[in-house]
């Protein structure tokens, strides 16, 4: 219909982090610099969202400066992020100075599906959470 406004996809689309909230009420304010994540898990979720939206300035700003790679450009072709599942979280709350978040992120590159299973380490630096580094737990085997 003429004269009707289309809904803004930023305010109505689901947040890529899988919280069930809209991007505008979840990770959007973090990526826009309007708020800071209050926990290591919230930072982890917002960083996943930043990867899905190619928000490299946000990724650089939330990476510990001593551990941030010089080049954050994605592979060619870039991954298509499919989903995030938090497996475990330890410490990383409003009163903590460090925390860990274990997650699995699914993605596709060139039509092939992949999984990134990481145990991420976060610290509070100058009062704000930053990503330090991660380890990659060995694949679980079943007997």
Protein backbone atom coordinates (compact mmCIF):
# COMPACT_ATOMS: atom_id res chain seq x y z
CA UNK A 1 0.00 0.00 0.00
CA UNK A 2 1.20 3.47 -0.79
CA UNK A 3 2.29 5.58 2.14
CA UNK A 4 2.88 2.67 4.55
CA UNK A 5 6.27 2.41 6.18
CA UNK A 6 8.10 -0.89 5.97
CA UNK A 7 9.25 -2.34 9.29
CA UNK A 8 12.87 -1.62 10.10
CA UNK A 9 14.73 -4.97 9.88
CA UNK A 10 17.11 -3.93 12.68
CA UNK A 11 14.25 -3.46 15.14
CA UNK A 12 12.17 -6.44 14.04
CA UNK A 13 14.67 -9.14 13.02
CA UNK A 14 15.74 -11.86 15.43
CA UNK A 15 19.14 -11.37 16.98
CA UNK A 16 21.69 -13.74 15.40
CA UNK A 17 22.98 -14.74 18.86
CA UNK A 18 19.94 -16.96 19.38
CA UNK A 19 18.58 -15.20 22.46
CA UNK A 20 15.05 -15.08 21.05
CA UNK A 21 15.04 -11.28 21.29
CA UNK A 22 15.15 -8.82 18.43
CA UNK A 23 18.50 -7.42 17.35
CA UNK A 24 17.38 -3.99 18.59
CA UNK A 25 16.68 -5.28 22.11
CA UNK A 26 19.63 -7.68 22.34
CA UNK A 27 23.05 -7.20 20.70
CA UNK A 28 22.19 -4.18 18.53
CA UNK A 29 22.88 -1.56 21.25
CA UNK A 30 26.30 -3.13 21.93
CA UNK A 31 27.29 -3.07 18.27
CA UNK A 32 26.05 0.52 17.95
CA UNK A 33 28.15 1.61 20.95
CA UNK A 34 25.05 2.55 22.95
CA UNK A 35 25.70 0.01 25.73
CA UNK A 36 28.39 -2.39 26.95
CA UNK A 37 27.86 -6.09 27.69
CA UNK A 38 27.48 -6.67 31.43
CA UNK A 39 28.82 -10.24 31.35
CA UNK A 40 31.30 -12.40 29.49
CA UNK A 41 28.44 -14.41 27.97
CA UNK A 42 26.69 -11.27 26.70
CA UNK A 43 30.00 -10.14 25.15
CA UNK A 44 30.45 -13.57 23.55
CA UNK A 45 26.93 -13.43 22.10
CA UNK A 46 27.47 -9.89 20.80
CA UNK A 47 30.77 -10.92 19.19
CA UNK A 48 29.04 -13.80 17.42
CA UNK A 49 26.44 -11.32 16.18
CA UNK A 50 29.26 -9.01 15.02
CA UNK A 51 30.78 -11.88 13.01
CA UNK A 52 27.42 -12.56 11.34
CA UNK A 53 27.02 -8.87 10.42
CA UNK A 54 30.69 -8.28 9.50
CA UNK A 55 30.97 -5.62 12.24
CA UNK A 56 34.77 -5.75 12.38
CA UNK A 57 35.17 -2.46 14.26
CA UNK A 58 33.15 -3.92 17.14
CA UNK A 59 35.19 -7.13 17.09
CA UNK A 60 38.44 -5.16 17.25
CA UNK A 61 37.10 -2.94 20.06
CA UNK A 62 36.12 -5.98 22.15
CA UNK A 63 39.30 -7.99 21.58
CA UNK A 64 42.14 -7.69 24.10
CA UNK A 65 44.63 -5.40 22.33
CA UNK A 66 47.57 -7.76 22.98
CA UNK A 67 45.75 -10.67 21.32
CA UNK A 68 43.80 -9.04 18.48
CA UNK A 69 44.96 -10.13 15.01
CA UNK A 70 46.10 -7.39 12.66
CA UNK A 71 43.74 -8.58 9.92
CA UNK A 72 40.14 -9.43 10.72
CA UNK A 73 39.03 -9.78 7.10
CA UNK A 74 37.06 -12.99 6.53
CA UNK A 75 38.08 -15.84 4.31
CA UNK A 76 37.03 -15.71 0.69
CA UNK A 77 34.29 -16.75 0.40
CA UNK A 78 33.20 -15.48 3.81
CA UNK A 79 31.42 -17.87 6.16
CA UNK A 80 27.65 -17.85 6.39
CA UNK A 81 26.89 -18.14 10.10
CA UNK A 82 24.02 -20.51 10.92
CA UNK A 83 23.65 -20.55 14.68
CA UNK A 84 25.15 -20.34 18.14
CA UNK A 85 24.74 -22.68 21.09
CA UNK A 86 26.20 -21.86 24.51
CA UNK A 87 27.41 -25.07 26.18
CA UNK A 88 28.76 -23.70 29.47
CA UNK A 89 29.64 -20.47 31.21
CA UNK A 90 31.87 -19.94 34.23
CA UNK A 91 32.22 -16.71 36.24
CA UNK A 92 32.10 -13.66 33.92
CA UNK A 93 29.33 -11.89 35.81
CA UNK A 94 29.00 -8.24 36.83
CA UNK A 95 31.18 -8.75 39.92
CA UNK A 96 33.88 -10.91 38.25
CA UNK A 97 37.14 -9.93 36.57
CA UNK A 98 37.40 -13.02 34.37
CA UNK A 99 35.15 -15.63 32.86
CA UNK A 100 34.91 -18.41 30.30
CA UNK A 101 32.20 -19.33 27.82
CA UNK A 102 32.14 -22.59 25.89
CA UNK A 103 30.10 -22.56 22.70
CA UNK A 104 29.51 -24.14 19.33
CA UNK A 105 28.98 -21.88 16.32
CA UNK A 106 27.78 -23.44 13.08
CA UNK A 107 28.61 -21.98 9.68
CA UNK A 108 28.95 -22.79 5.99
CA UNK A 109 31.71 -21.94 3.58
CA UNK A 110 31.26 -22.76 -0.08
CA UNK A 111 28.26 -24.95 0.69
CA UNK A 112 30.11 -27.08 3.27
CA UNK A 113 28.94 -27.10 6.90
CA UNK A 114 31.42 -26.55 9.74
CA UNK A 115 31.37 -26.23 13.51
CA UNK A 116 33.55 -24.03 15.68
CA UNK A 117 33.73 -25.44 19.21
CA UNK A 118 35.62 -23.04 21.46
CA UNK A 119 36.16 -22.36 25.14
CA UNK A 120 36.67 -18.58 25.17
CA UNK A 121 38.46 -16.64 27.89
CA UNK A 122 37.35 -13.12 28.80
CA UNK A 123 38.69 -10.55 31.25
CA UNK A 124 37.51 -7.19 32.45
CA UNK A 125 39.91 -4.54 31.11
CA UNK A 126 39.45 -0.92 32.19
CA UNK A 127 36.01 -1.87 33.52
CA UNK A 128 34.78 -3.54 30.30
CA UNK A 129 34.69 -7.15 29.15
CA UNK A 130 37.10 -8.13 26.35
CA UNK A 131 37.83 -11.40 24.57
CA UNK A 132 41.34 -12.69 25.29
CA UNK A 133 41.69 -16.03 23.54
CA UNK A 134 40.18 -19.47 23.23
CA UNK A 135 40.98 -23.13 23.25
CA UNK A 136 39.41 -25.76 21.06
CA UNK A 137 38.25 -28.77 23.07
CA UNK A 138 39.02 -32.11 21.46
CA UNK A 139 36.15 -33.68 19.60
CA UNK A 140 34.11 -35.91 21.86
CA UNK A 141 34.11 -39.55 20.92
CA UNK A 142 31.47 -42.11 21.71
CA UNK A 143 32.23 -45.73 22.49
